[in-house]
Amino acid sequence: MNAIFMPQSDISLKRINTKYFNLSGKNLWIEIKHSETIKLFQATNNTYETAHIFERTNAQPYLRLIKNENESDNDAFHRIINFQARSIGKATLQKIEISTKDDVHYFHIFN
């Protein structure tokens, strides 16, 4: 963070135009006097890379499965089963679908 501290004598009590606003979280207080802008607080513009693991369209099936945990939601399940390459093939998917129809727990079909 960069902060500019000015002595009290440098800041006049006569304020011509004072604006309190936030420009994307950067400027907290800007005072404009005689066409001169004085920034009393300015944050640095740091940009960090973010990993977008769950986009909105990919998060919705997870929420549907959590909400309907006792009901079968095959569309949501198929949407998330191989998201992020889990290497689950067609044979394994068929076993899982058979187990859901027969009310068999997932752990029993892989043993």
PDB file of N, CA and C in Angstrom:
ATOM      1  N   MET A   1       0.834  -1.175   0.000  1.00  0.00           N
ATOM      2  CA  MET A   1       0.000   0.000   0.000  1.00  0.00           C
ATOM      3  C   MET A   1       0.882   1.243   0.000  1.00  0.00           C
ATOM      4  N   ASN A   2       0.476   2.204  -0.770  1.00  0.00           N
ATOM      5  CA  ASN A   2       1.162   3.482  -0.777  1.00  0.00           C
ATOM      6  C   ASN A   2       0.268   4.503  -0.108  1.00  0.00           C
ATOM      7  N   ALA A   3       0.768   5.138   0.910  1.00  0.00           N
ATOM      8  CA  ALA A   3      -0.003   6.168   1.597  1.00  0.00           C
ATOM      9  C   ALA A   3       0.798   7.452   1.585  1.00  0.00           C
ATOM     10  N   ILE A   4       0.126   8.525   1.323  1.00  0.00           N
ATOM     11  CA  ILE A   4       0.767   9.835   1.322  1.00  0.00           C
ATOM     12  C   ILE A   4       0.259  10.583   2.534  1.00  0.00           C
ATOM     13  N   PHE A   5       1.141  10.893   3.441  1.00  0.00           N
ATOM     14  CA  PHE A   5       0.773  11.646   4.636  1.00  0.00           C
ATOM     15  C   PHE A   5       1.293  13.067   4.478  1.00  0.00           C
ATOM     16  N   MET A   6       0.397  14.019   4.630  1.00  0.00           N
ATOM     17  CA  MET A   6       0.765  15.416   4.467  1.00  0.00           C
ATOM     18  C   MET A   6       0.642  16.115   5.810  1.00  0.00           C
ATOM     19  N   PRO A   7       1.529  17.040   6.084  1.00  0.00           N
ATOM     20  CA  PRO A   7       1.400  17.812   7.326  1.00  0.00           C
ATOM     21  C   PRO A   7       0.092  18.595   7.331  1.00  0.00           C
ATOM     22  N   GLN A   8      -0.411  18.882   8.508  1.00  0.00           N
ATOM     23  CA  GLN A   8      -1.690  19.576   8.643  1.00  0.00           C
ATOM     24  C   GLN A   8      -1.649  20.953   7.992  1.00  0.00           C
ATOM     25  N   SER A   9      -0.506  21.598   7.980  1.00  0.00           N
ATOM     26  CA  SER A   9      -0.415  22.940   7.398  1.00  0.00           C
ATOM     27  C   SER A   9      -0.552  22.914   5.882  1.00  0.00           C
ATOM     28  N   ASP A  10      -0.251  21.777   5.245  1.00  0.00           N
ATOM     29  CA  ASP A  10      -0.351  21.699   3.794  1.00  0.00           C
ATOM     30  C   ASP A  10      -1.782  21.509   3.308  1.00  0.00           C
ATOM     31  N   ILE A  11      -2.646  21.045   4.169  1.00  0.00           N
ATOM     32  CA  ILE A  11      -4.034  20.819   3.775  1.00  0.00           C
ATOM     33  C   ILE A  11      -4.874  21.980   4.282  1.00  0.00           C
ATOM     34  N   SER A  12      -5.424  22.715   3.366  1.00  0.00           N
ATOM     35  CA  SER A  12      -6.247  23.859   3.720  1.00  0.00           C
ATOM     36  C   SER A  12      -7.603  23.386   4.218  1.00  0.00           C
ATOM     37  N   LEU A  13      -8.187  24.143   5.119  1.00  0.00           N
ATOM     38  CA  LEU A  13      -9.503  23.802   5.632  1.00  0.00           C
ATOM     39  C   LEU A  13     -10.601  24.147   4.647  1.00  0.00           C
ATOM     40  N   LYS A  14     -10.282  24.982   3.655  1.00  0.00           N
ATOM     41  CA  LYS A  14     -11.258  25.314   2.630  1.00  0.00           C
ATOM     42  C   LYS A  14     -11.245  24.203   1.582  1.00  0.00           C
ATOM     43  N   ARG A  15     -12.337  23.514   1.488  1.00  0.00           N
ATOM     44  CA  ARG A  15     -12.421  22.431   0.518  1.00  0.00           C
ATOM     45  C   ARG A  15     -13.285  22.886  -0.646  1.00  0.00           C
ATOM     46  N   ILE A  16     -12.697  22.906  -1.800  1.00  0.00           N
ATOM     47  CA  ILE A  16     -13.445  23.319  -2.978  1.00  0.00           C
ATOM     48  C   ILE A  16     -14.299  22.161  -3.490  1.00  0.00           C
ATOM     49  N   ASN A  17     -13.689  21.007  -3.631  1.00  0.00           N
ATOM     50  CA  ASN A  17     -14.415  19.850  -4.143  1.00  0.00           C
ATOM     51  C   ASN A  17     -13.804  18.602  -3.512  1.00  0.00           C
ATOM     52  N   THR A  18     -14.542  17.958  -2.660  1.00  0.00           N
ATOM     53  CA  THR A  18     -14.067  16.742  -2.010  1.00  0.00           C
ATOM     54  C   THR A  18     -14.953  15.588  -2.438  1.00  0.00           C
ATOM     55  N   LYS A  19     -14.338  14.512  -2.864  1.00  0.00           N
ATOM     56  CA  LYS A  19     -15.096  13.354  -3.322  1.00  0.00           C
ATOM     57  C   LYS A  19     -14.679  12.138  -2.510  1.00  0.00           C
ATOM     58  N   TYR A  20     -15.660  11.441  -2.006  1.00  0.00           N
ATOM     59  CA  TYR A  20     -15.431  10.170  -1.333  1.00  0.00           C
ATOM     60  C   TYR A  20     -16.007   9.080  -2.233  1.00  0.00           C
ATOM     61  N   PHE A  21     -15.158   8.323  -2.842  1.00  0.00           N
ATOM     62  CA  PHE A  21     -15.641   7.244  -3.694  1.00  0.00           C
ATOM     63  C   PHE A  21     -14.573   6.174  -3.808  1.00  0.00           C
ATOM     64  N   ASN A  22     -14.971   5.092  -4.406  1.00  0.00           N
ATOM     65  CA  ASN A  22     -14.089   3.950  -4.516  1.00  0.00           C
ATOM     66  C   ASN A  22     -14.007   3.548  -5.985  1.00  0.00           C
ATOM     67  N   LEU A  23     -12.835   3.634  -6.560  1.00  0.00           N
ATOM     68  CA  LEU A  23     -12.627   3.199  -7.934  1.00  0.00           C
ATOM     69  C   LEU A  23     -11.988   1.818  -7.906  1.00  0.00           C
ATOM     70  N   SER A  24     -12.791   0.808  -7.933  1.00  0.00           N
ATOM     71  CA  SER A  24     -12.323  -0.581  -7.897  1.00  0.00           C
ATOM     72  C   SER A  24     -11.423  -0.838  -6.701  1.00  0.00           C
ATOM     73  N   GLY A  25     -11.712  -0.205  -5.587  1.00  0.00           N
ATOM     74  CA  GLY A  25     -10.952  -0.446  -4.371  1.00  0.00           C
ATOM     75  C   GLY A  25      -9.603   0.226  -4.329  1.00  0.00           C
ATOM     76  N   LYS A  26      -9.333   1.153  -5.241  1.00  0.00           N
ATOM     77  CA  LYS A  26      -8.003   1.744  -5.297  1.00  0.00           C
ATOM     78  C   LYS A  26      -7.914   3.052  -4.523  1.00  0.00           C
ATOM     79  N   ASN A  27      -8.824   3.966  -4.756  1.00  0.00           N
ATOM     80  CA  ASN A  27      -8.743   5.274  -4.124  1.00  0.00           C
ATOM     81  C   ASN A  27      -9.797   5.387  -3.034  1.00  0.00           C
ATOM     82  N   LEU A  28      -9.375   5.759  -1.870  1.00  0.00           N
ATOM     83  CA  LEU A  28     -10.299   5.869  -0.755  1.00  0.00           C
ATOM     84  C   LEU A  28     -10.809   7.295  -0.595  1.00  0.00           C
ATOM     85  N   TRP A  29      -9.926   8.266  -0.769  1.00  0.00           N
ATOM     86  CA  TRP A  29     -10.332   9.659  -0.616  1.00  0.00           C
ATOM     87  C   TRP A  29      -9.515  10.507  -1.565  1.00  0.00           C
ATOM     88  N   ILE A  30     -10.177  11.273  -2.391  1.00  0.00           N
ATOM     89  CA  ILE A  30      -9.504  12.171  -3.323  1.00  0.00           C
ATOM     90  C   ILE A  30     -10.025  13.570  -3.067  1.00  0.00           C
ATOM     91  N   GLU A  31      -9.120  14.513  -2.948  1.00  0.00           N
ATOM     92  CA  GLU A  31      -9.505  15.901  -2.750  1.00  0.00           C
ATOM     93  C   GLU A  31      -8.974  16.700  -3.929  1.00  0.00           C
ATOM     94  N   ILE A  32      -9.850  17.439  -4.558  1.00  0.00           N
ATOM     95  CA  ILE A  32      -9.473  18.218  -5.730  1.00  0.00           C
ATOM     96  C   ILE A  32      -9.507  19.689  -5.359  1.00  0.00           C
ATOM     97  N   LYS A  33      -8.364  20.351  -5.508  1.00  0.00           N
ATOM     98  CA  LYS A  33      -8.264  21.782  -5.225  1.00  0.00           C
ATOM     99  C   LYS A  33      -7.576  22.466  -6.396  1.00  0.00           C
ATOM    100  N   HIS A  34      -8.175  23.475  -6.893  1.00  0.00           N
ATOM    101  CA  HIS A  34      -7.571  24.311  -7.930  1.00  0.00           C
ATOM    102  C   HIS A  34      -6.983  23.457  -9.051  1.00  0.00           C
ATOM    103  N   SER A  35      -7.765  22.508  -9.567  1.00  0.00           N
ATOM    104  CA  SER A  35      -7.365  21.612 -10.651  1.00  0.00           C
ATOM    105  C   SER A  35      -6.178  20.731 -10.291  1.00  0.00           C
ATOM    106  N   GLU A  36      -5.948  20.524  -9.018  1.00  0.00           N
ATOM    107  CA  GLU A  36      -4.867  19.646  -8.575  1.00  0.00           C
ATOM    108  C   GLU A  36      -5.488  18.528  -7.730  1.00  0.00           C
ATOM    109  N   THR A  37      -5.194  17.310  -8.061  1.00  0.00           N
ATOM    110  CA  THR A  37      -5.752  16.169  -7.349  1.00  0.00           C
ATOM    111  C   THR A  37      -4.785  15.715  -6.272  1.00  0.00           C
ATOM    112  N   ILE A  38      -5.287  15.599  -5.060  1.00  0.00           N
ATOM    113  CA  ILE A  38      -4.490  15.111  -3.941  1.00  0.00           C
ATOM    114  C   ILE A  38      -5.094  13.782  -3.515  1.00  0.00           C
ATOM    115  N   LYS A  39      -4.326  12.729  -3.628  1.00  0.00           N
ATOM    116  CA  LYS A  39      -4.794  11.417  -3.198  1.00  0.00           C
ATOM    117  C   LYS A  39      -4.221  11.152  -1.819  1.00  0.00           C
ATOM    118  N   LEU A  40      -5.097  11.015  -0.846  1.00  0.00           N
ATOM    119  CA  LEU A  40      -4.636  10.762   0.510  1.00  0.00           C
ATOM    120  C   LEU A  40      -4.384   9.283   0.760  1.00  0.00           C
ATOM    121  N   PHE A  41      -4.973   8.421  -0.030  1.00  0.00           N
ATOM    122  CA  PHE A  41      -4.721   6.996   0.096  1.00  0.00           C
ATOM    123  C   PHE A  41      -4.848   6.374  -1.276  1.00  0.00           C
ATOM    124  N   GLN A  42      -3.874   5.569  -1.638  1.00  0.00           N
ATOM    125  CA  GLN A  42      -3.940   4.860  -2.906  1.00  0.00           C
ATOM    126  C   GLN A  42      -3.322   3.485  -2.714  1.00  0.00           C
ATOM    127  N   ALA A  43      -4.097   2.470  -3.002  1.00  0.00           N
ATOM    128  CA  ALA A  43      -3.605   1.094  -2.901  1.00  0.00           C
ATOM    129  C   ALA A  43      -2.907   0.719  -4.199  1.00  0.00           C
ATOM    130  N   THR A  44      -1.965  -0.181  -4.098  1.00  0.00           N
ATOM    131  CA  THR A  44      -1.267  -0.633  -5.298  1.00  0.00           C
ATOM    132  C   THR A  44      -2.185  -1.526  -6.115  1.00  0.00           C
ATOM    133  N   ASN A  45      -1.907  -1.591  -7.383  1.00  0.00           N
ATOM    134  CA  ASN A  45      -2.728  -2.377  -8.293  1.00  0.00           C
ATOM    135  C   ASN A  45      -2.060  -3.729  -8.503  1.00  0.00           C
ATOM    136  N   ASN A  46      -2.270  -4.647  -7.575  1.00  0.00           N
ATOM    137  CA  ASN A  46      -1.700  -5.986  -7.683  1.00  0.00           C
ATOM    138  C   ASN A  46      -2.735  -6.920  -8.288  1.00  0.00           C
ATOM    139  N   THR A  47      -2.342  -7.625  -9.316  1.00  0.00           N
ATOM    140  CA  THR A  47      -3.219  -8.593  -9.945  1.00  0.00           C
ATOM    141  C   THR A  47      -2.624  -9.973  -9.739  1.00  0.00           C
ATOM    142  N   TYR A  48      -3.420 -10.860  -9.197  1.00  0.00           N
ATOM    143  CA  TYR A  48      -2.978 -12.223  -8.960  1.00  0.00           C
ATOM    144  C   TYR A  48      -3.716 -13.151  -9.906  1.00  0.00           C
ATOM    145  N   GLU A  49      -3.018 -14.192 -10.348  1.00  0.00           N
ATOM    146  CA  GLU A  49      -3.671 -15.168 -11.203  1.00  0.00           C
ATOM    147  C   GLU A  49      -4.617 -16.015 -10.368  1.00  0.00           C
ATOM    148  N   THR A  50      -5.751 -16.293 -10.936  1.00  0.00           N
ATOM    149  CA  THR A  50      -6.736 -17.099 -10.227  1.00  0.00           C
ATOM    150  C   THR A  50      -7.035 -18.347 -11.034  1.00  0.00           C
ATOM    151  N   ALA A  51      -7.313 -19.409 -10.356  1.00  0.00           N
ATOM    152  CA  ALA A  51      -7.701 -20.658 -11.012  1.00  0.00           C
ATOM    153  C   ALA A  51      -9.216 -20.765 -10.955  1.00  0.00           C
ATOM    154  N   HIS A  52      -9.819 -20.793 -12.109  1.00  0.00           N
ATOM    155  CA  HIS A  52     -11.278 -20.892 -12.181  1.00  0.00           C
ATOM    156  C   HIS A  52     -11.658 -22.368 -12.235  1.00  0.00           C
ATOM    157  N   ILE A  53     -11.672 -23.009 -11.077  1.00  0.00           N
ATOM    158  CA  ILE A  53     -11.985 -24.431 -11.027  1.00  0.00           C
ATOM    159  C   ILE A  53     -13.461 -24.648 -11.312  1.00  0.00           C
ATOM    160  N   PHE A  54     -14.283 -23.879 -10.664  1.00  0.00           N
ATOM    161  CA  PHE A  54     -15.720 -24.045 -10.833  1.00  0.00           C
ATOM    162  C   PHE A  54     -16.292 -22.816 -11.526  1.00  0.00           C
ATOM    163  N   GLU A  55     -16.590 -22.961 -12.775  1.00  0.00           N
ATOM    164  CA  GLU A  55     -17.336 -21.922 -13.458  1.00  0.00           C
ATOM    165  C   GLU A  55     -18.800 -22.089 -13.064  1.00  0.00           C
ATOM    166  N   ARG A  56     -19.598 -21.131 -13.403  1.00  0.00           N
ATOM    167  CA  ARG A  56     -21.009 -21.192 -13.001  1.00  0.00           C
ATOM    168  C   ARG A  56     -21.707 -22.431 -13.567  1.00  0.00           C
ATOM    169  N   THR A  57     -21.437 -22.748 -14.825  1.00  0.00           N
ATOM    170  CA  THR A  57     -22.107 -23.898 -15.431  1.00  0.00           C
ATOM    171  C   THR A  57     -21.617 -25.210 -14.852  1.00  0.00           C
ATOM    172  N   ASN A  58     -20.395 -25.249 -14.345  1.00  0.00           N
ATOM    173  CA  ASN A  58     -19.876 -26.475 -13.751  1.00  0.00           C
ATOM    174  C   ASN A  58     -20.216 -26.585 -12.276  1.00  0.00           C
ATOM    175  N   ALA A  59     -20.532 -25.502 -11.628  1.00  0.00           N
ATOM    176  CA  ALA A  59     -20.873 -25.537 -10.202  1.00  0.00           C
ATOM    177  C   ALA A  59     -22.325 -25.946  -9.985  1.00  0.00           C
ATOM    178  N   GLN A  60     -23.186 -25.645 -10.929  1.00  0.00           N
ATOM    179  CA  GLN A  60     -24.605 -25.966 -10.768  1.00  0.00           C
ATOM    180  C   GLN A  60     -24.875 -27.462 -10.608  1.00  0.00           C
ATOM    181  N   PRO A  61     -24.241 -28.357 -11.380  1.00  0.00           N
ATOM    182  CA  PRO A  61     -24.486 -29.789 -11.149  1.00  0.00           C
ATOM    183  C   PRO A  61     -24.045 -30.259  -9.766  1.00  0.00           C
ATOM    184  N   TYR A  62     -22.950 -29.721  -9.243  1.00  0.00           N
ATOM    185  CA  TYR A  62     -22.522 -30.074  -7.888  1.00  0.00           C
ATOM    186  C   TYR A  62     -23.594 -29.681  -6.873  1.00  0.00           C
ATOM    187  N   LEU A  63     -24.134 -28.493  -7.032  1.00  0.00           N
ATOM    188  CA  LEU A  63     -25.167 -28.033  -6.106  1.00  0.00           C
ATOM    189  C   LEU A  63     -26.444 -28.860  -6.234  1.00  0.00           C
ATOM    190  N   ARG A  64     -26.772 -29.260  -7.471  1.00  0.00           N
ATOM    191  CA  ARG A  64     -27.959 -30.106  -7.655  1.00  0.00           C
ATOM    192  C   ARG A  64     -27.780 -31.459  -6.990  1.00  0.00           C
ATOM    193  N   LEU A  65     -26.575 -32.043  -7.081  1.00  0.00           N
ATOM    194  CA  LEU A  65     -26.337 -33.339  -6.434  1.00  0.00           C
ATOM    195  C   LEU A  65     -26.362 -33.222  -4.918  1.00  0.00           C
ATOM    196  N   ILE A  66     -25.843 -32.113  -4.392  1.00  0.00           N
ATOM    197  CA  ILE A  66     -25.876 -31.916  -2.940  1.00  0.00           C
ATOM    198  C   ILE A  66     -27.309 -31.746  -2.461  1.00  0.00           C
ATOM    199  N   LYS A  67     -28.089 -30.983  -3.213  1.00  0.00           N
ATOM    200  CA  LYS A  67     -29.475 -30.722  -2.821  1.00  0.00           C
ATOM    201  C   LYS A  67     -30.319 -31.988  -2.905  1.00  0.00           C
ATOM    202  N   ASN A  68     -30.133 -32.769  -3.951  1.00  0.00           N
ATOM    203  CA  ASN A  68     -30.943 -33.968  -4.187  1.00  0.00           C
ATOM    204  C   ASN A  68     -30.120 -35.216  -3.911  1.00  0.00           C
ATOM    205  N   GLU A  69     -29.569 -35.329  -2.726  1.00  0.00           N
ATOM    206  CA  GLU A  69     -28.673 -36.452  -2.448  1.00  0.00           C
ATOM    207  C   GLU A  69     -29.396 -37.793  -2.413  1.00  0.00           C
ATOM    208  N   ASN A  70     -30.669 -37.820  -2.136  1.00  0.00           N
ATOM    209  CA  ASN A  70     -31.410 -39.079  -2.085  1.00  0.00           C
ATOM    210  C   ASN A  70     -32.087 -39.414  -3.410  1.00  0.00           C
ATOM    211  N   GLU A  71     -32.110 -38.481  -4.322  1.00  0.00           N
ATOM    212  CA  GLU A  71     -32.724 -38.707  -5.625  1.00  0.00           C
ATOM    213  C   GLU A  71     -31.618 -38.868  -6.660  1.00  0.00           C
ATOM    214  N   SER A  72     -31.923 -39.560  -7.723  1.00  0.00           N
ATOM    215  CA  SER A  72     -30.913 -39.725  -8.774  1.00  0.00           C
ATOM    216  C   SER A  72     -31.041 -38.572  -9.764  1.00  0.00           C
ATOM    217  N   ASP A  73     -29.946 -37.916 -10.009  1.00  0.00           N
ATOM    218  CA  ASP A  73     -29.891 -36.831 -10.981  1.00  0.00           C
ATOM    219  C   ASP A  73     -28.773 -37.185 -11.962  1.00  0.00           C
ATOM    220  N   ASN A  74     -29.119 -38.006 -12.951  1.00  0.00           N
ATOM    221  CA  ASN A  74     -28.106 -38.529 -13.862  1.00  0.00           C
ATOM    222  C   ASN A  74     -27.447 -37.444 -14.694  1.00  0.00           C
ATOM    223  N   ASP A  75     -28.204 -36.419 -15.073  1.00  0.00           N
ATOM    224  CA  ASP A  75     -27.616 -35.353 -15.876  1.00  0.00           C
ATOM    225  C   ASP A  75     -26.513 -34.636 -15.106  1.00  0.00           C
ATOM    226  N   ALA A  76     -26.786 -34.321 -13.860  1.00  0.00           N
ATOM    227  CA  ALA A  76     -25.775 -33.642 -13.045  1.00  0.00           C
ATOM    228  C   ALA A  76     -24.587 -34.557 -12.786  1.00  0.00           C
ATOM    229  N   PHE A  77     -24.856 -35.829 -12.541  1.00  0.00           N
ATOM    230  CA  PHE A  77     -23.775 -36.778 -12.283  1.00  0.00           C
ATOM    231  C   PHE A  77     -22.864 -36.911 -13.497  1.00  0.00           C
ATOM    232  N   HIS A  78     -23.450 -37.067 -14.688  1.00  0.00           N
ATOM    233  CA  HIS A  78     -22.641 -37.199 -15.901  1.00  0.00           C
ATOM    234  C   HIS A  78     -21.891 -35.915 -16.223  1.00  0.00           C
ATOM    235  N   ARG A  79     -22.445 -34.796 -15.820  1.00  0.00           N
ATOM    236  CA  ARG A  79     -21.770 -33.518 -16.073  1.00  0.00           C
ATOM    237  C   ARG A  79     -20.484 -33.400 -15.252  1.00  0.00           C
ATOM    238  N   ILE A  80     -20.493 -33.907 -14.024  1.00  0.00           N
ATOM    239  CA  ILE A  80     -19.337 -33.695 -13.151  1.00  0.00           C
ATOM    240  C   ILE A  80     -18.407 -34.894 -13.056  1.00  0.00           C
ATOM    241  N   ILE A  81     -18.813 -36.063 -13.544  1.00  0.00           N
ATOM    242  CA  ILE A  81     -18.019 -37.264 -13.294  1.00  0.00           C
ATOM    243  C   ILE A  81     -16.647 -37.197 -13.965  1.00  0.00           C
ATOM    244  N   ASN A  82     -16.541 -36.656 -15.141  1.00  0.00           N
ATOM    245  CA  ASN A  82     -15.241 -36.570 -15.798  1.00  0.00           C
ATOM    246  C   ASN A  82     -14.754 -35.142 -15.964  1.00  0.00           C
ATOM    247  N   PHE A  83     -15.347 -34.225 -15.229  1.00  0.00           N
ATOM    248  CA  PHE A  83     -14.842 -32.854 -15.234  1.00  0.00           C
ATOM    249  C   PHE A  83     -13.509 -32.853 -14.497  1.00  0.00           C
ATOM    250  N   GLN A  84     -12.500 -32.302 -15.081  1.00  0.00           N
ATOM    251  CA  GLN A  84     -11.110 -32.301 -14.618  1.00  0.00           C
ATOM    252  C   GLN A  84     -10.469 -33.674 -14.799  1.00  0.00           C
ATOM    253  N   ALA A  85     -10.821 -34.393 -15.832  1.00  0.00           N
ATOM    254  CA  ALA A  85     -10.181 -35.629 -16.283  1.00  0.00           C
ATOM    255  C   ALA A  85      -9.877 -36.603 -15.164  1.00  0.00           C
ATOM    256  N   ARG A  86     -10.894 -37.301 -14.728  1.00  0.00           N
ATOM    257  CA  ARG A  86     -10.716 -38.290 -13.659  1.00  0.00           C
ATOM    258  C   ARG A  86     -10.456 -39.690 -14.207  1.00  0.00           C
ATOM    259  N   SER A  87     -10.371 -39.839 -15.493  1.00  0.00           N
ATOM    260  CA  SER A  87     -10.072 -41.117 -16.158  1.00  0.00           C
ATOM    261  C   SER A  87     -11.086 -42.196 -15.808  1.00  0.00           C
ATOM    262  N   ILE A  88     -12.329 -41.855 -15.850  1.00  0.00           N
ATOM    263  CA  ILE A  88     -13.399 -42.821 -15.616  1.00  0.00           C
ATOM    264  C   ILE A  88     -13.973 -43.189 -16.975  1.00  0.00           C
ATOM    265  N   GLY A  89     -13.898 -44.465 -17.302  1.00  0.00           N
ATOM    266  CA  GLY A  89     -14.315 -44.929 -18.615  1.00  0.00           C
ATOM    267  C   GLY A  89     -15.778 -45.323 -18.678  1.00  0.00           C
ATOM    268  N   LYS A  90     -16.164 -45.807 -19.874  1.00  0.00           N
ATOM    269  CA  LYS A  90     -17.568 -46.185 -20.098  1.00  0.00           C
ATOM    270  C   LYS A  90     -17.975 -47.379 -19.249  1.00  0.00           C
ATOM    271  N   ALA A  91     -17.071 -48.342 -19.070  1.00  0.00           N
ATOM    272  CA  ALA A  91     -17.407 -49.533 -18.278  1.00  0.00           C
ATOM    273  C   ALA A  91     -17.693 -49.158 -16.828  1.00  0.00           C
ATOM    274  N   THR A  92     -16.892 -48.279 -16.274  1.00  0.00           N
ATOM    275  CA  THR A  92     -17.111 -47.844 -14.891  1.00  0.00           C
ATOM    276  C   THR A  92     -18.405 -47.058 -14.777  1.00  0.00           C
ATOM    277  N   LEU A  93     -18.688 -46.219 -15.759  1.00  0.00           N
ATOM    278  CA  LEU A  93     -19.950 -45.473 -15.750  1.00  0.00           C
ATOM    279  C   LEU A  93     -21.150 -46.414 -15.817  1.00  0.00           C
ATOM    280  N   GLN A  94     -21.041 -47.484 -16.609  1.00  0.00           N
ATOM    281  CA  GLN A  94     -22.139 -48.455 -16.683  1.00  0.00           C
ATOM    282  C   GLN A  94     -22.342 -49.154 -15.344  1.00  0.00           C
ATOM    283  N   LYS A  95     -21.247 -49.507 -14.665  1.00  0.00           N
ATOM    284  CA  LYS A  95     -21.362 -50.134 -13.343  1.00  0.00           C
ATOM    285  C   LYS A  95     -22.043 -49.199 -12.347  1.00  0.00           C
ATOM    286  N   ILE A  96     -21.682 -47.933 -12.412  1.00  0.00           N
ATOM    287  CA  ILE A  96     -22.278 -46.957 -11.489  1.00  0.00           C
ATOM    288  C   ILE A  96     -23.765 -46.793 -11.780  1.00  0.00           C
ATOM    289  N   GLU A  97     -24.133 -46.740 -13.065  1.00  0.00           N
ATOM    290  CA  GLU A  97     -25.546 -46.602 -13.416  1.00  0.00           C
ATOM    291  C   GLU A  97     -26.355 -47.826 -12.991  1.00  0.00           C
ATOM    292  N   ILE A  98     -25.783 -49.020 -13.147  1.00  0.00           N
ATOM    293  CA  ILE A  98     -26.475 -50.240 -12.716  1.00  0.00           C
ATOM    294  C   ILE A  98     -26.661 -50.227 -11.205  1.00  0.00           C
ATOM    295  N   SER A  99     -25.639 -49.787 -10.487  1.00  0.00           N
ATOM    296  CA  SER A  99     -25.746 -49.766  -9.023  1.00  0.00           C
ATOM    297  C   SER A  99     -26.791 -48.767  -8.547  1.00  0.00           C
ATOM    298  N   THR A 100     -26.955 -47.667  -9.255  1.00  0.00           N
ATOM    299  CA  THR A 100     -27.971 -46.699  -8.840  1.00  0.00           C
ATOM    300  C   THR A 100     -29.374 -47.228  -9.103  1.00  0.00           C
ATOM    301  N   LYS A 101     -29.529 -47.995 -10.162  1.00  0.00           N
ATOM    302  CA  LYS A 101     -30.852 -48.572 -10.451  1.00  0.00           C
ATOM    303  C   LYS A 101     -31.213 -49.664  -9.453  1.00  0.00           C
ATOM    304  N   ASP A 102     -30.208 -50.416  -8.996  1.00  0.00           N
ATOM    305  CA  ASP A 102     -30.454 -51.533  -8.074  1.00  0.00           C
ATOM    306  C   ASP A 102     -30.290 -51.136  -6.616  1.00  0.00           C
ATOM    307  N   ASP A 103     -30.077 -49.858  -6.338  1.00  0.00           N
ATOM    308  CA  ASP A 103     -29.859 -49.349  -4.981  1.00  0.00           C
ATOM    309  C   ASP A 103     -28.688 -50.040  -4.282  1.00  0.00           C
ATOM    310  N   VAL A 104     -27.605 -50.230  -5.009  1.00  0.00           N
ATOM    311  CA  VAL A 104     -26.379 -50.803  -4.455  1.00  0.00           C
ATOM    312  C   VAL A 104     -25.410 -49.653  -4.222  1.00  0.00           C
ATOM    313  N   HIS A 105     -24.728 -49.666  -3.093  1.00  0.00           N
ATOM    314  CA  HIS A 105     -23.781 -48.595  -2.783  1.00  0.00           C
ATOM    315  C   HIS A 105     -22.579 -48.673  -3.725  1.00  0.00           C
ATOM    316  N   TYR A 106     -21.999 -47.512  -4.022  1.00  0.00           N
ATOM    317  CA  TYR A 106     -20.879 -47.440  -4.961  1.00  0.00           C
ATOM    318  C   TYR A 106     -19.691 -48.304  -4.540  1.00  0.00           C
ATOM    319  N   PHE A 107     -19.441 -48.415  -3.261  1.00  0.00           N
ATOM    320  CA  PHE A 107     -18.277 -49.166  -2.797  1.00  0.00           C
ATOM    321  C   PHE A 107     -18.392 -50.658  -3.124  1.00  0.00           C
ATOM    322  N   HIS A 108     -19.592 -51.183  -3.199  1.00  0.00           N
ATOM    323  CA  HIS A 108     -19.781 -52.612  -3.452  1.00  0.00           C
ATOM    324  C   HIS A 108     -19.547 -52.989  -4.910  1.00  0.00           C
ATOM    325  N   ILE A 109     -19.699 -52.074  -5.822  1.00  0.00           N
ATOM    326  CA  ILE A 109     -19.540 -52.445  -7.229  1.00  0.00           C
ATOM    327  C   ILE A 109     -18.084 -52.512  -7.653  1.00  0.00           C
ATOM    328  N   PHE A 110     -17.183 -51.889  -6.924  1.00  0.00           N
ATOM    329  CA  PHE A 110     -15.776 -51.887  -7.306  1.00  0.00           C
ATOM    330  C   PHE A 110     -14.978 -52.991  -6.628  1.00  0.00           C
ATOM    331  N   ASN A 111     -15.583 -53.765  -5.759  1.00  0.00           N
ATOM    332  CA  ASN A 111     -14.866 -54.852  -5.071  1.00  0.00           C
ATOM    333  C   ASN A 111     -15.027 -56.162  -5.791  1.00  0.00           C
TER     334      ASN A 111
END
